C-alpha atoms as a PDB file:
ATOM      1  CA  MET A   1     -21.185  27.097  28.481  1.00  0.00           C
ATOM      2  CA  THR A   2     -19.240  24.772  30.750  1.00  0.00           C
ATOM      3  CA  GLN A   3     -17.285  21.597  30.138  1.00  0.00           C
ATOM      4  CA  ALA A   4     -16.817  18.410  32.150  1.00  0.00           C
ATOM      5  CA  SER A   5     -14.772  15.314  31.442  1.00  0.00           C
ATOM      6  CA  ARG A   6     -14.587  11.813  32.863  1.00  0.00           C
ATOM      7  CA  THR A   7     -12.157   8.963  32.274  1.00  0.00           C
ATOM      8  CA  VAL A   8     -14.068   5.703  31.942  1.00  0.00           C
ATOM      9  CA  ILE A   9     -13.406   2.039  31.219  1.00  0.00           C
ATOM     10  CA  VAL A  10     -15.848   0.585  28.683  1.00  0.00           C
ATOM     11  CA  GLY A  11     -17.931  -2.087  30.396  1.00  0.00           C
ATOM     12  CA  SER A  12     -19.843  -3.648  27.510  1.00  0.00           C
ATOM     13  CA  ARG A  13     -18.361  -7.046  26.678  1.00  0.00           C
ATOM     14  CA  VAL A  14     -18.365  -6.234  22.948  1.00  0.00           C
ATOM     15  CA  GLY A  15     -17.134  -2.668  23.429  1.00  0.00           C
ATOM     16  CA  LEU A  16     -18.980   0.182  21.740  1.00  0.00           C
ATOM     17  CA  HIS A  17     -20.417  -1.825  18.866  1.00  0.00           C
ATOM     18  CA  ALA A  18     -23.994  -2.172  17.581  1.00  0.00           C
ATOM     19  CA  ARG A  19     -26.399  -2.055  20.534  1.00  0.00           C
ATOM     20  CA  PRO A  20     -24.131  -0.392  23.149  1.00  0.00           C
ATOM     21  CA  ALA A  21     -23.068   2.295  20.661  1.00  0.00           C
ATOM     22  CA  SER A  22     -26.669   2.892  19.632  1.00  0.00           C
ATOM     23  CA  LEU A  23     -27.845   3.260  23.241  1.00  0.00           C
ATOM     24  CA  PHE A  24     -24.985   5.657  24.005  1.00  0.00           C
ATOM     25  CA  VAL A  25     -25.630   7.801  20.905  1.00  0.00           C
ATOM     26  CA  GLN A  26     -29.356   7.965  21.758  1.00  0.00           C
ATOM     27  CA  ALA A  27     -28.529   9.131  25.293  1.00  0.00           C
ATOM     28  CA  VAL A  28     -26.151  11.784  23.953  1.00  0.00           C
ATOM     29  CA  GLY A  29     -28.816  13.033  21.535  1.00  0.00           C
ATOM     30  CA  ALA A  30     -31.422  13.162  24.291  1.00  0.00           C
ATOM     31  CA  SER A  31     -29.064  15.136  26.539  1.00  0.00           C
ATOM     32  CA  GLY A  32     -28.810  18.030  24.075  1.00  0.00           C
ATOM     33  CA  HIS A  33     -25.106  18.402  24.913  1.00  0.00           C
ATOM     34  CA  THR A  34     -21.993  18.316  22.759  1.00  0.00           C
ATOM     35  CA  VAL A  35     -20.187  15.092  23.663  1.00  0.00           C
ATOM     36  CA  THR A  36     -16.836  13.792  22.470  1.00  0.00           C
ATOM     37  CA  ILE A  37     -15.199  10.480  23.333  1.00  0.00           C
ATOM     38  CA  THR A  38     -11.434  10.158  22.945  1.00  0.00           C
ATOM     39  CA  LYS A  39      -9.123   7.136  23.002  1.00  0.00           C
ATOM     40  CA  PRO A  40      -5.691   7.372  24.682  1.00  0.00           C
ATOM     41  CA  SER A  41      -4.176   7.441  21.165  1.00  0.00           C
ATOM     42  CA  GLY A  42      -5.920  10.773  20.577  1.00  0.00           C
ATOM     43  CA  GLU A  43      -8.538   9.469  18.143  1.00  0.00           C
ATOM     44  CA  SER A  44     -11.910  11.001  18.955  1.00  0.00           C
ATOM     45  CA  ALA A  45     -15.535  10.705  17.947  1.00  0.00           C
ATOM     46  CA  ASP A  46     -18.649  12.848  18.094  1.00  0.00           C
ATOM     47  CA  GLY A  47     -20.820  11.098  20.684  1.00  0.00           C
ATOM     48  CA  ALA A  48     -23.971  11.982  18.749  1.00  0.00           C
ATOM     49  CA  SER A  49     -22.835  10.190  15.566  1.00  0.00           C
ATOM     50  CA  ILE A  50     -23.339   6.423  15.422  1.00  0.00           C
ATOM     51  CA  LEU A  51     -20.942   6.120  12.488  1.00  0.00           C
ATOM     52  CA  SER A  52     -18.282   8.149  14.267  1.00  0.00           C
ATOM     53  CA  VAL A  53     -18.622   6.084  17.460  1.00  0.00           C
ATOM     54  CA  LEU A  54     -18.525   2.767  15.569  1.00  0.00           C
ATOM     55  CA  ALA A  55     -15.515   3.899  13.499  1.00  0.00           C
ATOM     56  CA  LEU A  56     -13.584   4.547  16.718  1.00  0.00           C
ATOM     57  CA  ALA A  57     -13.603   0.736  17.272  1.00  0.00           C
ATOM     58  CA  VAL A  58     -13.672   0.855  21.068  1.00  0.00           C
ATOM     59  CA  GLY A  59     -13.227  -2.541  22.714  1.00  0.00           C
ATOM     60  CA  HIS A  60     -14.227  -3.954  26.092  1.00  0.00           C
ATOM     61  CA  GLY A  61     -12.052  -2.661  28.923  1.00  0.00           C
ATOM     62  CA  GLN A  62     -10.656   0.194  26.861  1.00  0.00           C
ATOM     63  CA  GLU A  63     -10.160   3.562  28.517  1.00  0.00           C
ATOM     64  CA  LEU A  64     -11.923   6.602  27.077  1.00  0.00           C
ATOM     65  CA  VAL A  65     -12.109  10.255  27.999  1.00  0.00           C
ATOM     66  CA  LEU A  66     -15.671  11.531  27.830  1.00  0.00           C
ATOM     67  CA  SER A  67     -16.001  15.311  27.329  1.00  0.00           C
ATOM     68  CA  VAL A  68     -19.333  17.095  27.693  1.00  0.00           C
ATOM     69  CA  GLU A  69     -20.094  20.728  26.816  1.00  0.00           C
ATOM     70  CA  GLY A  70     -23.261  22.627  27.676  1.00  0.00           C
ATOM     71  CA  ASP A  71     -25.290  23.392  30.781  1.00  0.00           C
ATOM     72  CA  ASP A  72     -25.364  21.051  33.786  1.00  0.00           C
ATOM     73  CA  THR A  73     -22.336  19.209  32.399  1.00  0.00           C
ATOM     74  CA  GLN A  74     -21.318  17.514  35.659  1.00  0.00           C
ATOM     75  CA  ARG A  75     -24.616  15.618  35.907  1.00  0.00           C
ATOM     76  CA  VAL A  76     -24.661  14.678  32.217  1.00  0.00           C
ATOM     77  CA  ALA A  77     -21.000  13.579  32.303  1.00  0.00           C
ATOM     78  CA  ASP A  78     -21.714  11.391  35.346  1.00  0.00           C
ATOM     79  CA  GLU A  79     -24.749   9.781  33.689  1.00  0.00           C
ATOM     80  CA  LEU A  80     -22.956   9.096  30.411  1.00  0.00           C
ATOM     81  CA  ALA A  81     -19.835   7.811  32.203  1.00  0.00           C
ATOM     82  CA  THR A  82     -21.996   5.394  34.209  1.00  0.00           C
ATOM     83  CA  MET A  83     -23.596   4.246  30.982  1.00  0.00           C
ATOM     84  CA  LEU A  84     -20.236   3.640  29.256  1.00  0.00           C
ATOM     85  CA  SER A  85     -18.870   1.697  32.227  1.00  0.00           C
ATOM     86  CA  SER A  86     -21.928  -0.584  32.333  1.00  0.00           C
ATOM     87  CA  ASP A  87     -22.407  -3.744  30.277  1.00  0.00           C
ATOM     88  CA  LEU A  88     -25.074  -2.383  27.936  1.00  0.00           C
ATOM     89  CA  ASP A  89     -25.429  -5.795  26.284  1.00  0.00           C
ATOM     90  CA  ALA A  90     -26.681  -7.296  29.539  1.00  0.00           C
ATOM     91  CA  GLU A  91     -29.688  -4.984  29.770  1.00  0.00           C
END
């Protein structure tokens, strides 16, 4: 099992709340990978848990480290990082 990580800036104008968090958690679940998002303060959340992601209280423009474990981690990390850096409320 391999691991990949990406540092991303959250692009959604409301941060990872409600719709953006839900879309991200759905994508993590569909990937079949173990995903963790971590704030610079060290607080982290299981990317597959909507409650965990919401409890992290990530705002717009905040930096996160996205860590992915599993097979084909580079591709999955790139896709999820692109998703986090996009404004998911605009879609």
